[in-house]
Amino acid sequence: MLALLRSHQLFIRTISPIFKSAGLTSSQWDVLETLYSKGPLSVNDLMQSILSTSGNLDAIVKNLIQLGFVEKTIDETDRRIRIIRLSEAGKTKVENFLPVHNQALAEIFREFTSEEKHRYIKSLNQLRKRLAQPD
């Protein structure tokens, strides 16, 4: 477990300057990239997708709204549900930053073979699926 936690912390420390150069945090990027790839999501669906808590997600979304990257609207079929979607500025931000992000990942993982990367991804996905999801 310590190896996993330390690897995560080192990875975040390594990639954080890339996010900072774009004026983002890793959590903000997680929300933007998720909305870009999945489309508009309810707050609950977004929270489950990025494995966040409601309080943490609320703060991230508020900051992204202030930056003009996302919009929060009311679901037309159920007014209790709030929908989060990328704004045009958010789409542009993702499209401009995605190549920078992908290049940074390629550099970080350059010494791993394709086979190793696939094995690590498979192992981590298995671990995630076996762990109970927080309520």
C-alpha atoms as a PDB file:
ATOM      1  CA  MET A   1       0.000   0.000   0.000  1.00  0.00           C
ATOM      2  CA  LEU A   2       2.817   2.401   0.835  1.00  0.00           C
ATOM      3  CA  ALA A   3       4.366   1.782  -2.572  1.00  0.00           C
ATOM      4  CA  LEU A   4       1.084   2.758  -4.252  1.00  0.00           C
ATOM      5  CA  LEU A   5       0.621   5.881  -2.108  1.00  0.00           C
ATOM      6  CA  ARG A   6       4.202   7.024  -2.581  1.00  0.00           C
ATOM      7  CA  SER A   7       4.053   6.400  -6.315  1.00  0.00           C
ATOM      8  CA  HIS A   8       0.859   8.474  -6.522  1.00  0.00           C
ATOM      9  CA  GLN A   9       2.400  11.307  -4.516  1.00  0.00           C
ATOM     10  CA  LEU A  10       5.559  11.301  -6.630  1.00  0.00           C
ATOM     11  CA  PHE A  11       3.518  11.247  -9.835  1.00  0.00           C
ATOM     12  CA  ILE A  12       1.410  14.227  -8.697  1.00  0.00           C
ATOM     13  CA  ARG A  13       4.551  16.098  -7.652  1.00  0.00           C
ATOM     14  CA  THR A  14       6.099  15.370 -11.066  1.00  0.00           C
ATOM     15  CA  ILE A  15       3.091  16.385 -13.173  1.00  0.00           C
ATOM     16  CA  SER A  16       1.873  19.334 -11.069  1.00  0.00           C
ATOM     17  CA  PRO A  17       4.165  21.882 -12.787  1.00  0.00           C
ATOM     18  CA  ILE A  18       2.528  20.981 -16.116  1.00  0.00           C
ATOM     19  CA  PHE A  19      -0.919  21.747 -14.684  1.00  0.00           C
ATOM     20  CA  LYS A  20       0.373  24.883 -12.971  1.00  0.00           C
ATOM     21  CA  SER A  21       1.760  26.146 -16.294  1.00  0.00           C
ATOM     22  CA  ALA A  22      -1.784  25.902 -17.673  1.00  0.00           C
ATOM     23  CA  GLY A  23      -3.309  27.589 -14.621  1.00  0.00           C
ATOM     24  CA  LEU A  24      -4.955  24.356 -13.468  1.00  0.00           C
ATOM     25  CA  THR A  25      -4.766  21.829 -10.677  1.00  0.00           C
ATOM     26  CA  SER A  26      -4.793  18.089 -11.315  1.00  0.00           C
ATOM     27  CA  SER A  27      -8.333  17.933  -9.880  1.00  0.00           C
ATOM     28  CA  GLN A  28      -9.530  20.699 -12.207  1.00  0.00           C
ATOM     29  CA  TRP A  29      -7.985  18.890 -15.170  1.00  0.00           C
ATOM     30  CA  ASP A  30      -9.703  15.669 -14.081  1.00  0.00           C
ATOM     31  CA  VAL A  31     -13.088  17.432 -14.210  1.00  0.00           C
ATOM     32  CA  LEU A  32     -12.377  19.170 -17.531  1.00  0.00           C
ATOM     33  CA  GLU A  33     -11.070  16.042 -19.250  1.00  0.00           C
ATOM     34  CA  THR A  34     -13.960  13.931 -17.920  1.00  0.00           C
ATOM     35  CA  LEU A  35     -16.550  16.409 -19.210  1.00  0.00           C
ATOM     36  CA  TYR A  36     -14.697  16.648 -22.522  1.00  0.00           C
ATOM     37  CA  SER A  37     -14.674  12.885 -23.032  1.00  0.00           C
ATOM     38  CA  LYS A  38     -18.089  12.033 -21.516  1.00  0.00           C
ATOM     39  CA  GLY A  39     -20.095  15.176 -22.195  1.00  0.00           C
ATOM     40  CA  PRO A  40     -22.331  16.985 -19.684  1.00  0.00           C
ATOM     41  CA  LEU A  41     -22.829  15.087 -16.425  1.00  0.00           C
ATOM     42  CA  SER A  42     -24.924  15.455 -13.324  1.00  0.00           C
ATOM     43  CA  VAL A  43     -23.000  16.438 -10.211  1.00  0.00           C
ATOM     44  CA  ASN A  44     -23.460  12.905  -8.846  1.00  0.00           C
ATOM     45  CA  ASP A  45     -22.279  11.226 -12.051  1.00  0.00           C
ATOM     46  CA  LEU A  46     -19.262  13.521 -12.232  1.00  0.00           C
ATOM     47  CA  MET A  47     -18.467  12.850  -8.579  1.00  0.00           C
ATOM     48  CA  GLN A  48     -18.545   9.097  -9.225  1.00  0.00           C
ATOM     49  CA  SER A  49     -16.503   9.393 -12.414  1.00  0.00           C
ATOM     50  CA  ILE A  50     -13.626  11.236 -10.756  1.00  0.00           C
ATOM     51  CA  LEU A  51     -13.989   9.514  -7.364  1.00  0.00           C
ATOM     52  CA  SER A  52     -14.429  12.800  -5.529  1.00  0.00           C
ATOM     53  CA  THR A  53     -16.428  13.871  -2.511  1.00  0.00           C
ATOM     54  CA  SER A  54     -19.318  16.306  -2.865  1.00  0.00           C
ATOM     55  CA  GLY A  55     -17.566  19.053  -0.902  1.00  0.00           C
ATOM     56  CA  ASN A  56     -14.352  18.734  -2.876  1.00  0.00           C
ATOM     57  CA  LEU A  57     -16.163  18.596  -6.221  1.00  0.00           C
ATOM     58  CA  ASP A  58     -18.240  21.632  -5.283  1.00  0.00           C
ATOM     59  CA  ALA A  59     -15.075  23.672  -4.675  1.00  0.00           C
ATOM     60  CA  ILE A  60     -13.483  22.482  -7.927  1.00  0.00           C
ATOM     61  CA  VAL A  61     -16.614  23.286  -9.949  1.00  0.00           C
ATOM     62  CA  LYS A  62     -16.974  26.741  -8.352  1.00  0.00           C
ATOM     63  CA  ASN A  63     -13.380  27.559  -9.301  1.00  0.00           C
ATOM     64  CA  LEU A  64     -13.871  26.270 -12.850  1.00  0.00           C
ATOM     65  CA  ILE A  65     -17.046  28.359 -13.177  1.00  0.00           C
ATOM     66  CA  GLN A  66     -15.092  31.441 -12.048  1.00  0.00           C
ATOM     67  CA  LEU A  67     -12.438  30.649 -14.659  1.00  0.00           C
ATOM     68  CA  GLY A  68     -15.199  30.386 -17.276  1.00  0.00           C
ATOM     69  CA  PHE A  69     -14.421  26.745 -18.136  1.00  0.00           C
ATOM     70  CA  VAL A  70     -17.650  25.068 -16.983  1.00  0.00           C
ATOM     71  CA  GLU A  71     -21.298  25.933 -16.569  1.00  0.00           C
ATOM     72  CA  LYS A  72     -23.809  24.570 -14.072  1.00  0.00           C
ATOM     73  CA  THR A  73     -27.432  24.283 -15.166  1.00  0.00           C
ATOM     74  CA  ILE A  74     -30.610  22.647 -13.932  1.00  0.00           C
ATOM     75  CA  ASP A  75     -31.717  19.396 -15.559  1.00  0.00           C
ATOM     76  CA  GLU A  76     -34.841  20.051 -17.623  1.00  0.00           C
ATOM     77  CA  THR A  77     -36.478  16.733 -16.682  1.00  0.00           C
ATOM     78  CA  ASP A  78     -35.661  16.814 -12.948  1.00  0.00           C
ATOM     79  CA  ARG A  79     -35.091  20.263 -11.487  1.00  0.00           C
ATOM     80  CA  ARG A  80     -33.362  18.789  -8.417  1.00  0.00           C
ATOM     81  CA  ILE A  81     -30.433  17.666 -10.572  1.00  0.00           C
ATOM     82  CA  ARG A  82     -27.581  20.009 -11.468  1.00  0.00           C
ATOM     83  CA  ILE A  83     -25.756  19.409 -14.756  1.00  0.00           C
ATOM     84  CA  ILE A  84     -22.115  20.385 -15.271  1.00  0.00           C
ATOM     85  CA  ARG A  85     -20.941  21.024 -18.817  1.00  0.00           C
ATOM     86  CA  LEU A  86     -17.903  22.500 -20.501  1.00  0.00           C
ATOM     87  CA  SER A  87     -18.225  26.036 -21.780  1.00  0.00           C
ATOM     88  CA  GLU A  88     -16.693  26.956 -25.129  1.00  0.00           C
ATOM     89  CA  ALA A  89     -13.693  28.343 -23.223  1.00  0.00           C
ATOM     90  CA  GLY A  90     -13.444  25.017 -21.379  1.00  0.00           C
ATOM     91  CA  LYS A  91     -13.472  23.053 -24.641  1.00  0.00           C
ATOM     92  CA  THR A  92     -10.759  25.305 -26.019  1.00  0.00           C
ATOM     93  CA  LYS A  93      -8.721  24.912 -22.814  1.00  0.00           C
ATOM     94  CA  VAL A  94      -8.897  21.111 -23.019  1.00  0.00           C
ATOM     95  CA  GLU A  95      -8.085  21.034 -26.736  1.00  0.00           C
ATOM     96  CA  ASN A  96      -5.083  23.344 -26.229  1.00  0.00           C
ATOM     97  CA  PHE A  97      -3.794  21.608 -23.095  1.00  0.00           C
ATOM     98  CA  LEU A  98      -4.373  17.978 -24.087  1.00  0.00           C
ATOM     99  CA  PRO A  99      -1.303  17.756 -26.367  1.00  0.00           C
ATOM    100  CA  VAL A 100       0.862  19.339 -23.639  1.00  0.00           C
ATOM    101  CA  HIS A 101      -0.532  16.898 -21.078  1.00  0.00           C
ATOM    102  CA  ASN A 102      -0.016  13.902 -23.367  1.00  0.00           C
ATOM    103  CA  GLN A 103       3.551  14.977 -24.131  1.00  0.00           C
ATOM    104  CA  ALA A 104       4.288  15.301 -20.411  1.00  0.00           C
ATOM    105  CA  LEU A 105       2.916  11.805 -19.797  1.00  0.00           C
ATOM    106  CA  ALA A 106       4.966  10.421 -22.669  1.00  0.00           C
ATOM    107  CA  GLU A 107       8.072  11.983 -21.137  1.00  0.00           C
ATOM    108  CA  ILE A 108       7.328  10.726 -17.620  1.00  0.00           C
ATOM    109  CA  PHE A 109       6.735   7.169 -18.845  1.00  0.00           C
ATOM    110  CA  ARG A 110       9.280   7.125 -21.675  1.00  0.00           C
ATOM    111  CA  GLU A 111      11.419   4.405 -20.100  1.00  0.00           C
ATOM    112  CA  PHE A 112       8.539   1.938 -19.791  1.00  0.00           C
ATOM    113  CA  THR A 113       7.809  -0.422 -22.665  1.00  0.00           C
ATOM    114  CA  SER A 114       4.341  -0.548 -24.159  1.00  0.00           C
ATOM    115  CA  GLU A 115       3.905  -3.997 -22.613  1.00  0.00           C
ATOM    116  CA  GLU A 116       4.829  -2.684 -19.156  1.00  0.00           C
ATOM    117  CA  LYS A 117       2.400   0.225 -19.460  1.00  0.00           C
ATOM    118  CA  HIS A 118      -0.442  -2.121 -20.440  1.00  0.00           C
ATOM    119  CA  ARG A 119       0.390  -4.460 -17.557  1.00  0.00           C
ATOM    120  CA  TYR A 120       0.404  -1.573 -15.034  1.00  0.00           C
ATOM    121  CA  ILE A 121      -2.854  -0.176 -16.368  1.00  0.00           C
ATOM    122  CA  LYS A 122      -4.477  -3.610 -16.186  1.00  0.00           C
ATOM    123  CA  SER A 123      -3.258  -4.147 -12.623  1.00  0.00           C
ATOM    124  CA  LEU A 124      -4.397  -0.730 -11.441  1.00  0.00           C
ATOM    125  CA  ASN A 125      -7.807  -1.151 -13.079  1.00  0.00           C
ATOM    126  CA  GLN A 126      -8.213  -4.521 -11.377  1.00  0.00           C
ATOM    127  CA  LEU A 127      -7.303  -2.984  -8.026  1.00  0.00           C
ATOM    128  CA  ARG A 128      -9.742  -0.110  -8.505  1.00  0.00           C
ATOM    129  CA  LYS A 129     -12.578  -2.462  -9.456  1.00  0.00           C
ATOM    130  CA  ARG A 130     -12.005  -4.641  -6.404  1.00  0.00           C
ATOM    131  CA  LEU A 131     -11.975  -1.760  -3.938  1.00  0.00           C
ATOM    132  CA  ALA A 132     -15.287  -0.624  -2.528  1.00  0.00           C
ATOM    133  CA  GLN A 133     -16.488   2.710  -3.829  1.00  0.00           C
ATOM    134  CA  PRO A 134     -16.853   5.365  -1.106  1.00  0.00           C
ATOM    135  CA  ASP A 135     -20.405   6.552  -0.419  1.00  0.00           C
END
